[in-house]
Every structure is written in structure tokens, then in C-alpha cells.
Amino acid sequence: MSNRNTQLGTHDMNATQIRDAIDAGKKVFWSNKGYPVIKDSKGQYLIKCTFSKMCLGLTWADGETLNGKADDFFVED
């Protein structure tokens, strides 16, 4: 478990938990607050870099394998 996330809220999340949290209106991040997970207008869940404005899919094509370690995702309290 990563120490930086224990102060920030729920962590060690799978793809379903992340999508459910976003759909419930919660703010989810990967690694730090510079990388929010968003749902775009097409219904895609993406990891957005606020510095470069680039986005990466939340998961691989299988829809379950995260593009990042599960313990690096967290919900803002």
C-alpha cells in the first residue's frame, strides 16, 4: 500500500470501483491530483494529465486491466 494515498481517501481500486465512484459524482485520481480520472462525452473513462492535457484510457482494451497500479488510484475525501 502506498503511504501517499492513505491520507487522501479510498485507494487500491479496481476498474469497476473507479467507474462506479465517478458515476456517483466522486473525484478519482491516479497517482496524484495532477491525474484525475474523468468520463468524457462519449462515456469513456480516461486518466487525464492536467499538465499536458493528454489522456490515456483507464483500462486496456479488455475493460478491466488498469493502466496503472490499483493502489495508485484514490477517491478524494
N, C-alpha and C. Protein backbone atom coordinates (compact mmCIF):
# COMPACT_ATOMS: atom_id res chain seq x y z
N MET A 1 0.84 -1.18 0.00
CA MET A 1 0.00 0.00 0.00
C MET A 1 0.88 1.24 0.00
N SER A 2 0.52 2.20 -0.76
CA SER A 2 1.29 3.43 -0.90
C SER A 2 0.93 4.42 0.21
N ASN A 3 1.91 4.94 0.92
CA ASN A 3 1.66 5.88 2.02
C ASN A 3 1.02 7.17 1.55
N ARG A 4 1.35 7.62 0.35
CA ARG A 4 0.82 8.91 -0.09
C ARG A 4 -0.69 8.89 -0.25
N ASN A 5 -1.30 7.73 -0.44
CA ASN A 5 -2.74 7.66 -0.64
C ASN A 5 -3.51 7.43 0.65
N THR A 6 -2.88 7.00 1.72
CA THR A 6 -3.62 6.74 2.94
C THR A 6 -4.20 8.03 3.52
N GLN A 7 -3.61 9.14 3.22
CA GLN A 7 -4.11 10.43 3.70
C GLN A 7 -5.21 10.98 2.79
N LEU A 8 -5.36 10.45 1.60
CA LEU A 8 -6.23 11.07 0.60
C LEU A 8 -7.57 10.38 0.39
N GLY A 9 -7.79 9.25 1.01
CA GLY A 9 -9.09 8.60 0.85
C GLY A 9 -8.95 7.17 0.38
N THR A 10 -10.03 6.65 -0.20
CA THR A 10 -10.08 5.27 -0.65
C THR A 10 -9.00 5.01 -1.68
N HIS A 11 -8.35 3.85 -1.60
CA HIS A 11 -7.30 3.50 -2.55
C HIS A 11 -7.36 2.02 -2.83
N ASP A 12 -6.48 1.53 -3.69
CA ASP A 12 -6.44 0.13 -4.12
C ASP A 12 -7.78 -0.25 -4.77
N MET A 13 -8.10 0.43 -5.85
CA MET A 13 -9.39 0.29 -6.50
C MET A 13 -9.27 -0.50 -7.80
N ASN A 14 -10.32 -1.25 -8.13
CA ASN A 14 -10.36 -1.92 -9.43
C ASN A 14 -11.16 -1.05 -10.41
N ALA A 15 -11.21 -1.46 -11.67
CA ALA A 15 -11.85 -0.65 -12.72
C ALA A 15 -13.32 -0.40 -12.42
N THR A 16 -14.03 -1.40 -11.94
CA THR A 16 -15.47 -1.24 -11.64
C THR A 16 -15.67 -0.24 -10.52
N GLN A 17 -14.87 -0.32 -9.47
CA GLN A 17 -14.99 0.62 -8.36
C GLN A 17 -14.69 2.05 -8.80
N ILE A 18 -13.72 2.21 -9.68
CA ILE A 18 -13.37 3.54 -10.19
C ILE A 18 -14.52 4.10 -11.01
N ARG A 19 -15.04 3.31 -11.93
CA ARG A 19 -16.17 3.78 -12.76
C ARG A 19 -17.39 4.10 -11.90
N ASP A 20 -17.69 3.25 -10.93
CA ASP A 20 -18.83 3.49 -10.04
C ASP A 20 -18.66 4.78 -9.24
N ALA A 21 -17.44 5.02 -8.75
CA ALA A 21 -17.18 6.24 -7.98
C ALA A 21 -17.38 7.48 -8.85
N ILE A 22 -16.87 7.45 -10.07
CA ILE A 22 -17.03 8.59 -10.97
C ILE A 22 -18.51 8.81 -11.30
N ASP A 23 -19.22 7.73 -11.57
CA ASP A 23 -20.65 7.83 -11.87
C ASP A 23 -21.45 8.36 -10.68
N ALA A 24 -20.93 8.15 -9.48
CA ALA A 24 -21.59 8.66 -8.26
C ALA A 24 -21.19 10.10 -7.96
N GLY A 25 -20.38 10.70 -8.84
CA GLY A 25 -20.00 12.09 -8.67
C GLY A 25 -18.77 12.32 -7.81
N LYS A 26 -18.05 11.25 -7.48
CA LYS A 26 -16.84 11.40 -6.68
C LYS A 26 -15.65 11.72 -7.57
N LYS A 27 -14.64 12.36 -6.99
CA LYS A 27 -13.41 12.69 -7.72
C LYS A 27 -12.40 11.57 -7.49
N VAL A 28 -11.95 10.97 -8.60
CA VAL A 28 -10.98 9.88 -8.54
C VAL A 28 -9.71 10.34 -9.23
N PHE A 29 -8.57 9.95 -8.67
CA PHE A 29 -7.27 10.34 -9.22
C PHE A 29 -6.36 9.13 -9.32
N TRP A 30 -5.37 9.24 -10.21
CA TRP A 30 -4.31 8.25 -10.32
C TRP A 30 -3.01 8.90 -9.89
N SER A 31 -2.32 8.32 -8.97
CA SER A 31 -1.00 8.74 -8.52
C SER A 31 -1.00 10.04 -7.71
N ASN A 32 -1.56 11.12 -8.24
CA ASN A 32 -1.66 12.39 -7.50
C ASN A 32 -2.77 13.22 -8.15
N LYS A 33 -3.05 14.36 -7.58
CA LYS A 33 -4.19 15.16 -8.06
C LYS A 33 -3.95 15.80 -9.43
N GLY A 34 -2.77 15.63 -10.00
CA GLY A 34 -2.50 16.10 -11.35
C GLY A 34 -3.03 15.14 -12.41
N TYR A 35 -3.57 13.99 -11.97
CA TYR A 35 -4.07 12.98 -12.89
C TYR A 35 -5.49 12.53 -12.51
N PRO A 36 -6.48 13.38 -12.76
CA PRO A 36 -7.85 12.96 -12.46
C PRO A 36 -8.33 11.91 -13.46
N VAL A 37 -9.21 11.04 -12.99
CA VAL A 37 -9.88 10.09 -13.88
C VAL A 37 -11.21 10.74 -14.24
N ILE A 38 -11.48 10.82 -15.52
CA ILE A 38 -12.69 11.51 -16.00
C ILE A 38 -13.53 10.58 -16.86
N LYS A 39 -14.77 10.99 -17.07
CA LYS A 39 -15.65 10.33 -18.04
C LYS A 39 -15.95 11.37 -19.10
N ASP A 40 -15.59 11.08 -20.35
CA ASP A 40 -15.78 12.07 -21.40
C ASP A 40 -17.19 12.01 -21.98
N SER A 41 -17.46 12.85 -22.95
CA SER A 41 -18.80 12.95 -23.53
C SER A 41 -19.22 11.70 -24.29
N LYS A 42 -18.26 10.83 -24.61
CA LYS A 42 -18.56 9.56 -25.29
C LYS A 42 -18.76 8.42 -24.30
N GLY A 43 -18.61 8.71 -23.00
CA GLY A 43 -18.76 7.69 -21.98
C GLY A 43 -17.50 6.91 -21.69
N GLN A 44 -16.36 7.38 -22.20
CA GLN A 44 -15.08 6.73 -21.97
C GLN A 44 -14.48 7.22 -20.65
N TYR A 45 -13.88 6.31 -19.92
CA TYR A 45 -13.19 6.65 -18.68
C TYR A 45 -11.72 6.81 -19.01
N LEU A 46 -11.17 7.98 -18.67
CA LEU A 46 -9.81 8.33 -19.06
C LEU A 46 -9.03 8.88 -17.89
N ILE A 47 -7.73 8.66 -17.91
CA ILE A 47 -6.81 9.30 -16.97
C ILE A 47 -6.28 10.53 -17.70
N LYS A 48 -6.53 11.69 -17.14
CA LYS A 48 -6.13 12.94 -17.79
C LYS A 48 -4.96 13.57 -17.07
N CYS A 49 -3.96 13.97 -17.81
CA CYS A 49 -2.83 14.70 -17.25
C CYS A 49 -3.18 16.19 -17.32
N THR A 50 -3.30 16.83 -16.17
CA THR A 50 -3.67 18.25 -16.17
C THR A 50 -2.53 19.15 -16.65
N PHE A 51 -1.32 18.62 -16.68
CA PHE A 51 -0.18 19.41 -17.11
C PHE A 51 -0.08 19.49 -18.64
N SER A 52 -0.29 18.35 -19.31
CA SER A 52 -0.15 18.31 -20.76
C SER A 52 -1.49 18.24 -21.49
N LYS A 53 -2.57 18.02 -20.75
CA LYS A 53 -3.93 17.85 -21.29
C LYS A 53 -4.08 16.56 -22.10
N MET A 54 -3.10 15.66 -22.02
CA MET A 54 -3.18 14.37 -22.70
C MET A 54 -4.01 13.41 -21.85
N CYS A 55 -4.64 12.44 -22.53
CA CYS A 55 -5.45 11.45 -21.84
C CYS A 55 -5.02 10.04 -22.23
N LEU A 56 -5.22 9.12 -21.32
CA LEU A 56 -4.94 7.71 -21.51
C LEU A 56 -6.16 6.94 -21.03
N GLY A 57 -6.54 5.91 -21.72
CA GLY A 57 -7.68 5.11 -21.29
C GLY A 57 -7.47 4.58 -19.88
N LEU A 58 -8.53 4.52 -19.10
CA LEU A 58 -8.45 3.97 -17.75
C LEU A 58 -7.95 2.53 -17.77
N THR A 59 -8.42 1.77 -18.77
CA THR A 59 -8.07 0.35 -18.84
C THR A 59 -7.52 -0.01 -20.22
N TRP A 60 -6.98 -1.21 -20.29
CA TRP A 60 -6.61 -1.80 -21.57
C TRP A 60 -7.90 -2.13 -22.31
N ALA A 61 -7.79 -2.68 -23.51
CA ALA A 61 -8.95 -2.99 -24.34
C ALA A 61 -9.91 -3.97 -23.68
N ASP A 62 -9.43 -4.77 -22.72
CA ASP A 62 -10.31 -5.74 -22.05
C ASP A 62 -11.30 -5.08 -21.11
N GLY A 63 -11.12 -3.80 -20.83
CA GLY A 63 -12.04 -3.07 -19.97
C GLY A 63 -11.84 -3.30 -18.48
N GLU A 64 -10.88 -4.11 -18.10
CA GLU A 64 -10.65 -4.41 -16.69
C GLU A 64 -9.21 -4.17 -16.23
N THR A 65 -8.23 -4.42 -17.09
CA THR A 65 -6.83 -4.25 -16.71
C THR A 65 -6.50 -2.76 -16.69
N LEU A 66 -6.19 -2.24 -15.51
CA LEU A 66 -5.94 -0.81 -15.35
C LEU A 66 -4.63 -0.38 -16.00
N ASN A 67 -4.60 0.83 -16.49
CA ASN A 67 -3.37 1.47 -16.96
C ASN A 67 -2.72 2.17 -15.78
N GLY A 68 -2.32 1.40 -14.83
CA GLY A 68 -1.70 1.88 -13.60
C GLY A 68 -1.94 0.87 -12.51
N LYS A 69 -1.19 0.98 -11.43
CA LYS A 69 -1.35 0.07 -10.30
C LYS A 69 -2.63 0.41 -9.54
N ALA A 70 -3.35 -0.62 -9.12
CA ALA A 70 -4.62 -0.42 -8.41
C ALA A 70 -4.43 0.44 -7.15
N ASP A 71 -3.31 0.28 -6.46
CA ASP A 71 -3.12 1.05 -5.23
C ASP A 71 -2.70 2.50 -5.47
N ASP A 72 -2.54 2.89 -6.73
CA ASP A 72 -2.25 4.28 -7.06
C ASP A 72 -3.50 5.10 -7.38
N PHE A 73 -4.66 4.46 -7.43
CA PHE A 73 -5.92 5.17 -7.66
C PHE A 73 -6.56 5.49 -6.32
N PHE A 74 -7.14 6.68 -6.21
CA PHE A 74 -7.78 7.04 -4.95
C PHE A 74 -8.94 8.00 -5.19
N VAL A 75 -9.87 7.98 -4.25
CA VAL A 75 -11.03 8.88 -4.26
C VAL A 75 -10.74 10.01 -3.28
N GLU A 76 -10.98 11.22 -3.71
CA GLU A 76 -10.80 12.38 -2.84
C GLU A 76 -11.88 12.36 -1.77
N ASP A 77 -11.48 12.57 -0.53
CA ASP A 77 -12.45 12.64 0.59
C ASP A 77 -13.18 13.96 0.57
